[in-house]
mmCIF file of all heavy atoms, coordinates in Angstrom:
data_MODEL
# 
_entry.id   MODEL 
# 
loop_
_atom_site.group_PDB 
_atom_site.id 
_atom_site.type_symbol 
_atom_site.label_atom_id 
_atom_site.label_alt_id 
_atom_site.label_comp_id 
_atom_site.label_asym_id 
_atom_site.label_entity_id 
_atom_site.label_seq_id 
_atom_site.pdbx_PDB_ins_code 
_atom_site.Cartn_x 
_atom_site.Cartn_y 
_atom_site.Cartn_z 
_atom_site.occupancy 
_atom_site.B_iso_or_equiv 
_atom_site.pdbx_formal_charge 
_atom_site.auth_seq_id 
_atom_site.auth_comp_id 
_atom_site.auth_asym_id 
_atom_site.auth_atom_id 
_atom_site.pdbx_PDB_model_num 
ATOM 1   N N   . TRP A 1 1  ? -14.308 -15.704 -0.068 1.00 0.00 ? 1  TRP A N   1 
ATOM 2   C CA  . TRP A 1 1  ? -14.273 -14.229 -0.607 1.00 0.00 ? 1  TRP A CA  1 
ATOM 3   C C   . TRP A 1 1  ? -13.782 -13.393 0.675  1.00 0.00 ? 1  TRP A C   1 
ATOM 4   O O   . TRP A 1 1  ? -13.275 -12.302 0.237  1.00 0.00 ? 1  TRP A O   1 
ATOM 5   C CB  . TRP A 1 1  ? -15.743 -13.987 -0.834 1.00 0.00 ? 1  TRP A CB  1 
ATOM 6   C CG  . TRP A 1 1  ? -16.742 -14.145 0.260  1.00 0.00 ? 1  TRP A CG  1 
ATOM 7   C CD1 . TRP A 1 1  ? -17.374 -15.255 0.511  1.00 0.00 ? 1  TRP A CD1 1 
ATOM 8   C CD2 . TRP A 1 1  ? -17.071 -13.143 1.271  1.00 0.00 ? 1  TRP A CD2 1 
ATOM 9   N NE1 . TRP A 1 1  ? -18.202 -15.039 1.735  1.00 0.00 ? 1  TRP A NE1 1 
ATOM 10  C CE2 . TRP A 1 1  ? -17.929 -13.642 2.216  1.00 0.00 ? 1  TRP A CE2 1 
ATOM 11  C CE3 . TRP A 1 1  ? -16.551 -11.888 1.541  1.00 0.00 ? 1  TRP A CE3 1 
ATOM 12  C CZ2 . TRP A 1 1  ? -18.438 -13.126 3.368  1.00 0.00 ? 1  TRP A CZ2 1 
ATOM 13  C CZ3 . TRP A 1 1  ? -17.124 -11.141 2.680  1.00 0.00 ? 1  TRP A CZ3 1 
ATOM 14  C CH2 . TRP A 1 1  ? -17.990 -11.859 3.650  1.00 0.00 ? 1  TRP A CH2 1 
ATOM 15  N N   . GLU A 1 2  ? -13.900 -13.724 1.750  1.00 0.00 ? 2  GLU A N   1 
ATOM 16  C CA  . GLU A 1 2  ? -13.522 -12.975 2.942  1.00 0.00 ? 2  GLU A CA  1 
ATOM 17  C C   . GLU A 1 2  ? -11.943 -12.855 2.844  1.00 0.00 ? 2  GLU A C   1 
ATOM 18  O O   . GLU A 1 2  ? -11.290 -11.964 3.059  1.00 0.00 ? 2  GLU A O   1 
ATOM 19  C CB  . GLU A 1 2  ? -13.917 -13.630 4.298  1.00 0.00 ? 2  GLU A CB  1 
ATOM 20  C CG  . GLU A 1 2  ? -13.634 -12.670 5.432  1.00 0.00 ? 2  GLU A CG  1 
ATOM 21  C CD  . GLU A 1 2  ? -14.304 -13.300 6.664  1.00 0.00 ? 2  GLU A CD  1 
ATOM 22  O OE1 . GLU A 1 2  ? -15.336 -13.933 6.629  1.00 0.00 ? 2  GLU A OE1 1 
ATOM 23  O OE2 . GLU A 1 2  ? -13.546 -13.238 7.726  1.00 0.00 ? 2  GLU A OE2 1 
ATOM 24  N N   . GLN A 1 3  ? -11.225 -14.055 2.669  1.00 0.00 ? 3  GLN A N   1 
ATOM 25  C CA  . GLN A 1 3  ? -9.942  -14.147 2.572  1.00 0.00 ? 3  GLN A CA  1 
ATOM 26  C C   . GLN A 1 3  ? -9.274  -13.311 1.314  1.00 0.00 ? 3  GLN A C   1 
ATOM 27  O O   . GLN A 1 3  ? -8.326  -12.629 1.466  1.00 0.00 ? 3  GLN A O   1 
ATOM 28  C CB  . GLN A 1 3  ? -9.365  -15.554 2.444  1.00 0.00 ? 3  GLN A CB  1 
ATOM 29  C CG  . GLN A 1 3  ? -9.374  -16.225 3.715  1.00 0.00 ? 3  GLN A CG  1 
ATOM 30  C CD  . GLN A 1 3  ? -8.411  -15.889 4.691  1.00 0.00 ? 3  GLN A CD  1 
ATOM 31  O OE1 . GLN A 1 3  ? -8.067  -14.753 4.802  1.00 0.00 ? 3  GLN A OE1 1 
ATOM 32  N NE2 . GLN A 1 3  ? -7.983  -16.814 5.551  1.00 0.00 ? 3  GLN A NE2 1 
ATOM 33  N N   . LYS A 1 4  ? -10.048 -13.417 0.209  1.00 0.00 ? 4  LYS A N   1 
ATOM 34  C CA  . LYS A 1 4  ? -9.610  -12.618 -0.855 1.00 0.00 ? 4  LYS A CA  1 
ATOM 35  C C   . LYS A 1 4  ? -9.781  -11.181 -0.685 1.00 0.00 ? 4  LYS A C   1 
ATOM 36  O O   . LYS A 1 4  ? -9.035  -10.296 -1.077 1.00 0.00 ? 4  LYS A O   1 
ATOM 37  C CB  . LYS A 1 4  ? -10.465 -12.935 -2.120 1.00 0.00 ? 4  LYS A CB  1 
ATOM 38  C CG  . LYS A 1 4  ? -10.066 -14.355 -2.712 1.00 0.00 ? 4  LYS A CG  1 
ATOM 39  C CD  . LYS A 1 4  ? -10.866 -14.742 -3.908 1.00 0.00 ? 4  LYS A CD  1 
ATOM 40  C CE  . LYS A 1 4  ? -10.571 -16.123 -4.445 1.00 0.00 ? 4  LYS A CE  1 
ATOM 41  N NZ  . LYS A 1 4  ? -11.545 -16.509 -5.408 1.00 0.00 ? 4  LYS A NZ  1 
ATOM 42  N N   . GLY A 1 5  ? -10.937 -10.738 0.047  1.00 0.00 ? 5  GLY A N   1 
ATOM 43  C CA  . GLY A 1 5  ? -11.016 -9.319  0.515  1.00 0.00 ? 5  GLY A CA  1 
ATOM 44  C C   . GLY A 1 5  ? -9.874  -8.833  1.314  1.00 0.00 ? 5  GLY A C   1 
ATOM 45  O O   . GLY A 1 5  ? -9.346  -7.752  1.191  1.00 0.00 ? 5  GLY A O   1 
ATOM 46  N N   . LEU A 1 6  ? -9.514  -9.619  2.359  1.00 0.00 ? 6  LEU A N   1 
ATOM 47  C CA  . LEU A 1 6  ? -8.439  -9.293  3.230  1.00 0.00 ? 6  LEU A CA  1 
ATOM 48  C C   . LEU A 1 6  ? -7.125  -9.126  2.439  1.00 0.00 ? 6  LEU A C   1 
ATOM 49  O O   . LEU A 1 6  ? -6.296  -8.237  2.757  1.00 0.00 ? 6  LEU A O   1 
ATOM 50  C CB  . LEU A 1 6  ? -8.360  -10.309 4.254  1.00 0.00 ? 6  LEU A CB  1 
ATOM 51  C CG  . LEU A 1 6  ? -9.448  -10.404 5.464  1.00 0.00 ? 6  LEU A CG  1 
ATOM 52  C CD1 . LEU A 1 6  ? -9.202  -11.531 6.392  1.00 0.00 ? 6  LEU A CD1 1 
ATOM 53  C CD2 . LEU A 1 6  ? -9.412  -8.971  6.186  1.00 0.00 ? 6  LEU A CD2 1 
ATOM 54  N N   . GLU A 1 7  ? -6.826  -10.155 1.659  1.00 0.00 ? 7  GLU A N   1 
ATOM 55  C CA  . GLU A 1 7  ? -5.564  -9.982  0.841  1.00 0.00 ? 7  GLU A CA  1 
ATOM 56  C C   . GLU A 1 7  ? -5.570  -8.874  -0.107 1.00 0.00 ? 7  GLU A C   1 
ATOM 57  O O   . GLU A 1 7  ? -4.548  -8.204  -0.095 1.00 0.00 ? 7  GLU A O   1 
ATOM 58  C CB  . GLU A 1 7  ? -5.351  -11.366 -0.008 1.00 0.00 ? 7  GLU A CB  1 
ATOM 59  C CG  . GLU A 1 7  ? -4.110  -11.312 -0.686 1.00 0.00 ? 7  GLU A CG  1 
ATOM 60  C CD  . GLU A 1 7  ? -2.853  -11.084 0.122  1.00 0.00 ? 7  GLU A CD  1 
ATOM 61  O OE1 . GLU A 1 7  ? -2.831  -11.614 1.261  1.00 0.00 ? 7  GLU A OE1 1 
ATOM 62  O OE2 . GLU A 1 7  ? -1.823  -10.497 -0.311 1.00 0.00 ? 7  GLU A OE2 1 
ATOM 63  N N   . LYS A 1 8  ? -6.663  -8.552  -0.721 1.00 0.00 ? 8  LYS A N   1 
ATOM 64  C CA  . LYS A 1 8  ? -6.741  -7.314  -1.501 1.00 0.00 ? 8  LYS A CA  1 
ATOM 65  C C   . LYS A 1 8  ? -6.387  -6.049  -0.678 1.00 0.00 ? 8  LYS A C   1 
ATOM 66  O O   . LYS A 1 8  ? -5.697  -5.181  -1.085 1.00 0.00 ? 8  LYS A O   1 
ATOM 67  C CB  . LYS A 1 8  ? -8.072  -7.246  -2.330 1.00 0.00 ? 8  LYS A CB  1 
ATOM 68  C CG  . LYS A 1 8  ? -8.107  -6.114  -3.255 1.00 0.00 ? 8  LYS A CG  1 
ATOM 69  C CD  . LYS A 1 8  ? -9.438  -6.005  -3.912 1.00 0.00 ? 8  LYS A CD  1 
ATOM 70  C CE  . LYS A 1 8  ? -9.386  -4.847  -4.954 1.00 0.00 ? 8  LYS A CE  1 
ATOM 71  N NZ  . LYS A 1 8  ? -10.678 -4.576  -5.462 1.00 0.00 ? 8  LYS A NZ  1 
ATOM 72  N N   . GLY A 1 9  ? -7.022  -6.028  0.362  1.00 0.00 ? 9  GLY A N   1 
ATOM 73  C CA  . GLY A 1 9  ? -6.790  -4.917  1.395  1.00 0.00 ? 9  GLY A CA  1 
ATOM 74  C C   . GLY A 1 9  ? -5.341  -4.787  1.795  1.00 0.00 ? 9  GLY A C   1 
ATOM 75  O O   . GLY A 1 9  ? -4.816  -3.682  1.790  1.00 0.00 ? 9  GLY A O   1 
ATOM 76  N N   . ARG A 1 10 ? -4.690  -5.959  2.046  1.00 0.00 ? 10 ARG A N   1 
ATOM 77  C CA  . ARG A 1 10 ? -3.298  -5.788  2.392  1.00 0.00 ? 10 ARG A CA  1 
ATOM 78  C C   . ARG A 1 10 ? -2.470  -5.435  1.222  1.00 0.00 ? 10 ARG A C   1 
ATOM 79  O O   . ARG A 1 10 ? -1.525  -4.584  1.471  1.00 0.00 ? 10 ARG A O   1 
ATOM 80  C CB  . ARG A 1 10 ? -2.827  -7.193  2.812  1.00 0.00 ? 10 ARG A CB  1 
ATOM 81  C CG  . ARG A 1 10 ? -3.211  -7.660  4.168  1.00 0.00 ? 10 ARG A CG  1 
ATOM 82  C CD  . ARG A 1 10 ? -2.639  -8.925  4.560  1.00 0.00 ? 10 ARG A CD  1 
ATOM 83  N NE  . ARG A 1 10 ? -3.358  -9.630  5.710  1.00 0.00 ? 10 ARG A NE  1 
ATOM 84  C CZ  . ARG A 1 10 ? -4.165  -10.606 5.650  1.00 0.00 ? 10 ARG A CZ  1 
ATOM 85  N NH1 . ARG A 1 10 ? -4.371  -11.301 4.486  1.00 0.00 ? 10 ARG A NH1 1 
ATOM 86  N NH2 . ARG A 1 10 ? -4.811  -11.012 6.781  1.00 0.00 ? 10 ARG A NH2 1 
ATOM 87  N N   . GLN A 1 11 ? -2.706  -5.850  0.052  1.00 0.00 ? 11 GLN A N   1 
ATOM 88  C CA  . GLN A 1 11 ? -2.008  -5.389  -1.149 1.00 0.00 ? 11 GLN A CA  1 
ATOM 89  C C   . GLN A 1 11 ? -2.148  -3.845  -1.380 1.00 0.00 ? 11 GLN A C   1 
ATOM 90  O O   . GLN A 1 11 ? -1.273  -3.230  -1.654 1.00 0.00 ? 11 GLN A O   1 
ATOM 91  C CB  . GLN A 1 11 ? -2.464  -6.159  -2.383 1.00 0.00 ? 11 GLN A CB  1 
ATOM 92  C CG  . GLN A 1 11 ? -2.063  -7.578  -2.335 1.00 0.00 ? 11 GLN A CG  1 
ATOM 93  C CD  . GLN A 1 11 ? -2.628  -8.290  -3.500 1.00 0.00 ? 11 GLN A CD  1 
ATOM 94  O OE1 . GLN A 1 11 ? -3.482  -7.870  -4.263 1.00 0.00 ? 11 GLN A OE1 1 
ATOM 95  N NE2 . GLN A 1 11 ? -2.143  -9.625  -3.770 1.00 0.00 ? 11 GLN A NE2 1 
ATOM 96  N N   . GLU A 1 12 ? -3.404  -3.404  -1.257 1.00 0.00 ? 12 GLU A N   1 
ATOM 97  C CA  . GLU A 1 12 ? -3.672  -1.958  -1.389 1.00 0.00 ? 12 GLU A CA  1 
ATOM 98  C C   . GLU A 1 12 ? -2.941  -1.176  -0.302 1.00 0.00 ? 12 GLU A C   1 
ATOM 99  O O   . GLU A 1 12 ? -2.326  -0.080  -0.619 1.00 0.00 ? 12 GLU A O   1 
ATOM 100 C CB  . GLU A 1 12 ? -5.153  -1.615  -1.345 1.00 0.00 ? 12 GLU A CB  1 
ATOM 101 C CG  . GLU A 1 12 ? -5.872  -2.217  -2.555 1.00 0.00 ? 12 GLU A CG  1 
ATOM 102 C CD  . GLU A 1 12 ? -7.439  -2.165  -2.528 1.00 0.00 ? 12 GLU A CD  1 
ATOM 103 O OE1 . GLU A 1 12 ? -7.879  -1.612  -1.500 1.00 0.00 ? 12 GLU A OE1 1 
ATOM 104 O OE2 . GLU A 1 12 ? -8.078  -2.386  -3.529 1.00 0.00 ? 12 GLU A OE2 1 
ATOM 105 N N   . GLY A 1 13 ? -2.868  -1.735  0.902  1.00 0.00 ? 13 GLY A N   1 
ATOM 106 C CA  . GLY A 1 13 ? -2.080  -1.024  2.036  1.00 0.00 ? 13 GLY A CA  1 
ATOM 107 C C   . GLY A 1 13 ? -0.610  -1.013  1.553  1.00 0.00 ? 13 GLY A C   1 
ATOM 108 O O   . GLY A 1 13 ? -0.041  0.105   1.862  1.00 0.00 ? 13 GLY A O   1 
ATOM 109 N N   . ARG A 1 14 ? -0.116  -1.992  1.150  1.00 0.00 ? 14 ARG A N   1 
ATOM 110 C CA  . ARG A 1 14 ? 1.380   -2.044  0.863  1.00 0.00 ? 14 ARG A CA  1 
ATOM 111 C C   . ARG A 1 14 ? 1.662   -1.131  -0.309 1.00 0.00 ? 14 ARG A C   1 
ATOM 112 O O   . ARG A 1 14 ? 2.739   -0.470  -0.380 1.00 0.00 ? 14 ARG A O   1 
ATOM 113 C CB  . ARG A 1 14 ? 1.775   -3.517  0.529  1.00 0.00 ? 14 ARG A CB  1 
ATOM 114 C CG  . ARG A 1 14 ? 2.013   -4.355  1.701  1.00 0.00 ? 14 ARG A CG  1 
ATOM 115 C CD  . ARG A 1 14 ? 2.596   -5.672  1.395  1.00 0.00 ? 14 ARG A CD  1 
ATOM 116 N NE  . ARG A 1 14 ? 1.891   -6.474  0.497  1.00 0.00 ? 14 ARG A NE  1 
ATOM 117 C CZ  . ARG A 1 14 ? 0.932   -7.331  0.906  1.00 0.00 ? 14 ARG A CZ  1 
ATOM 118 N NH1 . ARG A 1 14 ? 0.689   -7.731  2.131  1.00 0.00 ? 14 ARG A NH1 1 
ATOM 119 N NH2 . ARG A 1 14 ? 0.343   -8.183  -0.115 1.00 0.00 ? 14 ARG A NH2 1 
ATOM 120 N N   . GLN A 1 15 ? 0.658   -1.006  -1.367 1.00 0.00 ? 15 GLN A N   1 
ATOM 121 C CA  . GLN A 1 15 ? 0.863   -0.148  -2.388 1.00 0.00 ? 15 GLN A CA  1 
ATOM 122 C C   . GLN A 1 15 ? 0.963   1.352   -1.875 1.00 0.00 ? 15 GLN A C   1 
ATOM 123 O O   . GLN A 1 15 ? 1.783   2.116   -2.314 1.00 0.00 ? 15 GLN A O   1 
ATOM 124 C CB  . GLN A 1 15 ? -0.361  -0.218  -3.421 1.00 0.00 ? 15 GLN A CB  1 
ATOM 125 C CG  . GLN A 1 15 ? -0.238  0.705   -4.644 1.00 0.00 ? 15 GLN A CG  1 
ATOM 126 C CD  . GLN A 1 15 ? 0.756   0.217   -5.619 1.00 0.00 ? 15 GLN A CD  1 
ATOM 127 O OE1 . GLN A 1 15 ? 1.543   -0.723  -5.518 1.00 0.00 ? 15 GLN A OE1 1 
ATOM 128 N NE2 . GLN A 1 15 ? 0.769   0.832   -6.737 1.00 0.00 ? 15 GLN A NE2 1 
ATOM 129 N N   . GLU A 1 16 ? 0.001   1.644   -1.012 1.00 0.00 ? 16 GLU A N   1 
ATOM 130 C CA  . GLU A 1 16 ? -0.035  2.953   -0.422 1.00 0.00 ? 16 GLU A CA  1 
ATOM 131 C C   . GLU A 1 16 ? 1.160   3.322   0.362  1.00 0.00 ? 16 GLU A C   1 
ATOM 132 O O   . GLU A 1 16 ? 1.738   4.381   0.333  1.00 0.00 ? 16 GLU A O   1 
ATOM 133 C CB  . GLU A 1 16 ? -1.305  3.268   0.535  1.00 0.00 ? 16 GLU A CB  1 
ATOM 134 C CG  . GLU A 1 16 ? -2.588  3.438   -0.325 1.00 0.00 ? 16 GLU A CG  1 
ATOM 135 C CD  . GLU A 1 16 ? -2.498  4.834   -1.126 1.00 0.00 ? 16 GLU A CD  1 
ATOM 136 O OE1 . GLU A 1 16 ? -2.058  5.843   -0.721 1.00 0.00 ? 16 GLU A OE1 1 
ATOM 137 O OE2 . GLU A 1 16 ? -2.930  4.630   -2.359 1.00 0.00 ? 16 GLU A OE2 1 
ATOM 138 N N   . GLU A 1 17 ? 1.780   2.393   0.993  1.00 0.00 ? 17 GLU A N   1 
ATOM 139 C CA  . GLU A 1 17 ? 2.998   2.530   1.850  1.00 0.00 ? 17 GLU A CA  1 
ATOM 140 C C   . GLU A 1 17 ? 4.130   2.914   0.824  1.00 0.00 ? 17 GLU A C   1 
ATOM 141 O O   . GLU A 1 17 ? 4.947   3.753   1.172  1.00 0.00 ? 17 GLU A O   1 
ATOM 142 C CB  . GLU A 1 17 ? 3.292   1.249   2.547  1.00 0.00 ? 17 GLU A CB  1 
ATOM 143 C CG  . GLU A 1 17 ? 2.412   1.132   3.858  1.00 0.00 ? 17 GLU A CG  1 
ATOM 144 C CD  . GLU A 1 17 ? 2.673   -0.198  4.598  1.00 0.00 ? 17 GLU A CD  1 
ATOM 145 O OE1 . GLU A 1 17 ? 3.568   -0.902  4.061  1.00 0.00 ? 17 GLU A OE1 1 
ATOM 146 O OE2 . GLU A 1 17 ? 2.003   -0.510  5.526  1.00 0.00 ? 17 GLU A OE2 1 
ATOM 147 N N   . ARG A 1 18 ? 4.196   2.093   -0.235 1.00 0.00 ? 18 ARG A N   1 
ATOM 148 C CA  . ARG A 1 18 ? 5.345   2.413   -1.224 1.00 0.00 ? 18 ARG A CA  1 
ATOM 149 C C   . ARG A 1 18 ? 5.094   3.812   -1.778 1.00 0.00 ? 18 ARG A C   1 
ATOM 150 O O   . ARG A 1 18 ? 6.016   4.510   -1.935 1.00 0.00 ? 18 ARG A O   1 
ATOM 151 C CB  . ARG A 1 18 ? 5.110   1.435   -2.426 1.00 0.00 ? 18 ARG A CB  1 
ATOM 152 C CG  . ARG A 1 18 ? 5.683   0.026   -2.127 1.00 0.00 ? 18 ARG A CG  1 
ATOM 153 C CD  . ARG A 1 18 ? 5.471   -0.916  -3.304 1.00 0.00 ? 18 ARG A CD  1 
ATOM 154 N NE  . ARG A 1 18 ? 5.847   -2.212  -3.241 1.00 0.00 ? 18 ARG A NE  1 
ATOM 155 C CZ  . ARG A 1 18 ? 5.249   -3.351  -2.991 1.00 0.00 ? 18 ARG A CZ  1 
ATOM 156 N NH1 . ARG A 1 18 ? 3.868   -3.169  -2.911 1.00 0.00 ? 18 ARG A NH1 1 
ATOM 157 N NH2 . ARG A 1 18 ? 5.741   -4.452  -2.838 1.00 0.00 ? 18 ARG A NH2 1 
ATOM 158 N N   . ILE A 1 19 ? 3.983   4.239   -2.233 1.00 0.00 ? 19 ILE A N   1 
ATOM 159 C CA  . ILE A 1 19 ? 3.734   5.518   -2.706 1.00 0.00 ? 19 ILE A CA  1 
ATOM 160 C C   . ILE A 1 19 ? 4.057   6.553   -1.740 1.00 0.00 ? 19 ILE A C   1 
ATOM 161 O O   . ILE A 1 19 ? 4.812   7.481   -2.001 1.00 0.00 ? 19 ILE A O   1 
ATOM 162 C CB  . ILE A 1 19 ? 2.136   5.628   -3.148 1.00 0.00 ? 19 ILE A CB  1 
ATOM 163 C CG1 . ILE A 1 19 ? 1.849   4.818   -4.351 1.00 0.00 ? 19 ILE A CG1 1 
ATOM 164 C CG2 . ILE A 1 19 ? 1.854   7.144   -3.331 1.00 0.00 ? 19 ILE A CG2 1 
ATOM 165 C CD1 . ILE A 1 19 ? 0.458   4.679   -4.541 1.00 0.00 ? 19 ILE A CD1 1 
ATOM 166 N N   . HIS A 1 20 ? 3.562   6.398   -0.457 1.00 0.00 ? 20 HIS A N   1 
ATOM 167 C CA  . HIS A 1 20 ? 3.960   7.408   0.616  1.00 0.00 ? 20 HIS A CA  1 
ATOM 168 C C   . HIS A 1 20 ? 5.496   7.480   0.719  1.00 0.00 ? 20 HIS A C   1 
ATOM 169 O O   . HIS A 1 20 ? 6.004   8.659   0.829  1.00 0.00 ? 20 HIS A O   1 
ATOM 170 C CB  . HIS A 1 20 ? 3.312   6.961   1.909  1.00 0.00 ? 20 HIS A CB  1 
ATOM 171 C CG  . HIS A 1 20 ? 3.626   7.915   3.053  1.00 0.00 ? 20 HIS A CG  1 
ATOM 172 N ND1 . HIS A 1 20 ? 3.143   9.202   3.155  1.00 0.00 ? 20 HIS A ND1 1 
ATOM 173 C CD2 . HIS A 1 20 ? 4.531   7.765   4.089  1.00 0.00 ? 20 HIS A CD2 1 
ATOM 174 C CE1 . HIS A 1 20 ? 3.558   9.742   4.306  1.00 0.00 ? 20 HIS A CE1 1 
ATOM 175 N NE2 . HIS A 1 20 ? 4.465   8.891   4.910  1.00 0.00 ? 20 HIS A NE2 1 
ATOM 176 N N   . LEU A 1 21 ? 6.154   6.356   0.905  1.00 0.00 ? 21 LEU A N   1 
ATOM 177 C CA  . LEU A 1 21 ? 7.688   6.421   1.019  1.00 0.00 ? 21 LEU A CA  1 
ATOM 178 C C   . LEU A 1 21 ? 8.328   7.018   -0.229 1.00 0.00 ? 21 LEU A C   1 
ATOM 179 O O   . LEU A 1 21 ? 9.204   7.790   0.014  1.00 0.00 ? 21 LEU A O   1 
ATOM 180 C CB  . LEU A 1 21 ? 8.125   4.929   1.167  1.00 0.00 ? 21 LEU A CB  1 
ATOM 181 C CG  . LEU A 1 21 ? 9.678   4.734   1.278  1.00 0.00 ? 21 LEU A CG  1 
ATOM 182 C CD1 . LEU A 1 21 ? 10.194  5.429   2.499  1.00 0.00 ? 21 LEU A CD1 1 
ATOM 183 C CD2 . LEU A 1 21 ? 9.933   3.311   1.249  1.00 0.00 ? 21 LEU A CD2 1 
ATOM 184 N N   . LEU A 1 22 ? 8.075   6.698   -1.299 1.00 0.00 ? 22 LEU A N   1 
ATOM 185 C CA  . LEU A 1 22 ? 8.612   7.363   -2.546 1.00 0.00 ? 22 LEU A CA  1 
ATOM 186 C C   . LEU A 1 22 ? 8.410   8.838   -2.528 1.00 0.00 ? 22 LEU A C   1 
ATOM 187 O O   . LEU A 1 22 ? 9.438   9.554   -2.671 1.00 0.00 ? 22 LEU A O   1 
ATOM 188 C CB  . LEU A 1 22 ? 8.259   6.718   -3.863 1.00 0.00 ? 22 LEU A CB  1 
ATOM 189 C CG  . LEU A 1 22 ? 8.759   7.220   -5.072 1.00 0.00 ? 22 LEU A CG  1 
ATOM 190 C CD1 . LEU A 1 22 ? 10.411  7.242   -5.005 1.00 0.00 ? 22 LEU A CD1 1 
ATOM 191 C CD2 . LEU A 1 22 ? 8.269   6.347   -6.279 1.00 0.00 ? 22 LEU A CD2 1 
ATOM 192 N N   . LEU A 1 23 ? 7.182   9.301   -2.286 1.00 0.00 ? 23 LEU A N   1 
ATOM 193 C CA  . LEU A 1 23 ? 6.948   10.672  -2.345 1.00 0.00 ? 23 LEU A CA  1 
ATOM 194 C C   . LEU A 1 23 ? 7.749   11.387  -1.198 1.00 0.00 ? 23 LEU A C   1 
ATOM 195 O O   . LEU A 1 23 ? 8.189   12.431  -1.468 1.00 0.00 ? 23 LEU A O   1 
ATOM 196 C CB  . LEU A 1 23 ? 5.488   10.944  -2.299 1.00 0.00 ? 23 LEU A CB  1 
ATOM 197 C CG  . LEU A 1 23 ? 4.535   10.560  -3.521 1.00 0.00 ? 23 LEU A CG  1 
ATOM 198 C CD1 . LEU A 1 23 ? 3.198   10.652  -3.211 1.00 0.00 ? 23 LEU A CD1 1 
ATOM 199 C CD2 . LEU A 1 23 ? 5.093   11.348  -4.802 1.00 0.00 ? 23 LEU A CD2 1 
ATOM 200 N N   . ARG A 1 24 ? 7.819   10.807  -0.169 1.00 0.00 ? 24 ARG A N   1 
ATOM 201 C CA  . ARG A 1 24 ? 8.499   11.350  1.058  1.00 0.00 ? 24 ARG A CA  1 
ATOM 202 C C   . ARG A 1 24 ? 10.017  11.559  0.641  1.00 0.00 ? 24 ARG A C   1 
ATOM 203 O O   . ARG A 1 24 ? 10.693  12.562  0.949  1.00 0.00 ? 24 ARG A O   1 
ATOM 204 C CB  . ARG A 1 24 ? 8.336   10.546  2.242  1.00 0.00 ? 24 ARG A CB  1 
ATOM 205 C CG  . ARG A 1 24 ? 8.958   11.038  3.473  1.00 0.00 ? 24 ARG A CG  1 
ATOM 206 C CD  . ARG A 1 24 ? 8.444   10.379  4.721  1.00 0.00 ? 24 ARG A CD  1 
ATOM 207 N NE  . ARG A 1 24 ? 9.013   10.974  5.830  1.00 0.00 ? 24 ARG A NE  1 
ATOM 208 C CZ  . ARG A 1 24 ? 9.128   10.309  6.970  1.00 0.00 ? 24 ARG A CZ  1 
ATOM 209 N NH1 . ARG A 1 24 ? 8.508   9.073   7.215  1.00 0.00 ? 24 ARG A NH1 1 
ATOM 210 N NH2 . ARG A 1 24 ? 9.676   10.942  8.059  1.00 0.00 ? 24 ARG A NH2 1 
ATOM 211 N N   . ILE A 1 25 ? 10.593  10.391  0.051  1.00 0.00 ? 25 ILE A N   1 
ATOM 212 C CA  . ILE A 1 25 ? 12.042  10.545  -0.302 1.00 0.00 ? 25 ILE A CA  1 
ATOM 213 C C   . ILE A 1 25 ? 12.128  11.655  -1.342 1.00 0.00 ? 25 ILE A C   1 
ATOM 214 O O   . ILE A 1 25 ? 13.095  12.410  -1.278 1.00 0.00 ? 25 ILE A O   1 
ATOM 215 C CB  . ILE A 1 25 ? 12.490  9.251   -0.920 1.00 0.00 ? 25 ILE A CB  1 
ATOM 216 C CG1 . ILE A 1 25 ? 12.585  8.221   0.255  1.00 0.00 ? 25 ILE A CG1 1 
ATOM 217 C CG2 . ILE A 1 25 ? 13.831  9.387   -1.540 1.00 0.00 ? 25 ILE A CG2 1 
ATOM 218 C CD1 . ILE A 1 25 ? 12.849  6.709   -0.334 1.00 0.00 ? 25 ILE A CD1 1 
ATOM 219 N N   . LEU A 1 26 ? 11.381  11.678  -2.338 1.00 0.00 ? 26 LEU A N   1 
ATOM 220 C CA  . LEU A 1 26 ? 11.494  12.734  -3.395 1.00 0.00 ? 26 LEU A CA  1 
ATOM 221 C C   . LEU A 1 26 ? 11.273  14.101  -2.785 1.00 0.00 ? 26 LEU A C   1 
ATOM 222 O O   . LEU A 1 26 ? 11.981  15.020  -3.261 1.00 0.00 ? 26 LEU A O   1 
ATOM 223 C CB  . LEU A 1 26 ? 10.361  12.470  -4.528 1.00 0.00 ? 26 LEU A CB  1 
ATOM 224 C CG  . LEU A 1 26 ? 10.605  11.118  -5.314 1.00 0.00 ? 26 LEU A CG  1 
ATOM 225 C CD1 . LEU A 1 26 ? 9.486   11.051  -6.297 1.00 0.00 ? 26 LEU A CD1 1 
ATOM 226 C CD2 . LEU A 1 26 ? 11.967  11.244  -5.904 1.00 0.00 ? 26 LEU A CD2 1 
ATOM 227 N N   . GLN A 1 27 ? 10.401  14.231  -1.924 1.00 0.00 ? 27 GLN A N   1 
ATOM 228 C CA  . GLN A 1 27 ? 10.161  15.730  -1.333 1.00 0.00 ? 27 GLN A CA  1 
ATOM 229 C C   . GLN A 1 27 ? 11.315  16.150  -0.482 1.00 0.00 ? 27 GLN A C   1 
ATOM 230 O O   . GLN A 1 27 ? 11.655  17.293  -0.574 1.00 0.00 ? 27 GLN A O   1 
ATOM 231 C CB  . GLN A 1 27 ? 8.909   15.713  -0.535 1.00 0.00 ? 27 GLN A CB  1 
ATOM 232 C CG  . GLN A 1 27 ? 7.621   15.614  -1.380 1.00 0.00 ? 27 GLN A CG  1 
ATOM 233 C CD  . GLN A 1 27 ? 6.385   15.305  -0.613 1.00 0.00 ? 27 GLN A CD  1 
ATOM 234 O OE1 . GLN A 1 27 ? 6.394   15.013  0.580  1.00 0.00 ? 27 GLN A OE1 1 
ATOM 235 N NE2 . GLN A 1 27 ? 5.246   15.627  -1.228 1.00 0.00 ? 27 GLN A NE2 1 
ATOM 236 N N   . ARG A 1 28 ? 12.105  15.226  0.021  1.00 0.00 ? 28 ARG A N   1 
ATOM 237 C CA  . ARG A 1 28 ? 13.266  15.509  0.832  1.00 0.00 ? 28 ARG A CA  1 
ATOM 238 C C   . ARG A 1 28 ? 14.513  15.918  -0.105 1.00 0.00 ? 28 ARG A C   1 
ATOM 239 O O   . ARG A 1 28 ? 15.184  16.817  -0.060 1.00 0.00 ? 28 ARG A O   1 
ATOM 240 C CB  . ARG A 1 28 ? 13.863  14.369  1.640  1.00 0.00 ? 28 ARG A CB  1 
ATOM 241 C CG  . ARG A 1 28 ? 12.768  13.961  2.722  1.00 0.00 ? 28 ARG A CG  1 
ATOM 242 C CD  . ARG A 1 28 ? 12.996  14.717  3.919  1.00 0.00 ? 28 ARG A CD  1 
ATOM 243 N NE  . ARG A 1 28 ? 14.539  14.848  4.363  1.00 0.00 ? 28 ARG A NE  1 
ATOM 244 C CZ  . ARG A 1 28 ? 14.862  14.749  5.458  1.00 0.00 ? 28 ARG A CZ  1 
ATOM 245 N NH1 . ARG A 1 28 ? 14.069  14.669  6.555  1.00 0.00 ? 28 ARG A NH1 1 
ATOM 246 N NH2 . ARG A 1 28 ? 16.270  14.908  5.778  1.00 0.00 ? 28 ARG A NH2 1 
# 
């Protein structure tokens, strides 16, 4: 369960990075 939690956290972090990157490009 600890490994699954860590992986879920990593996936959510990558998702937030994608969102931030796209919004930054669009705002430029």
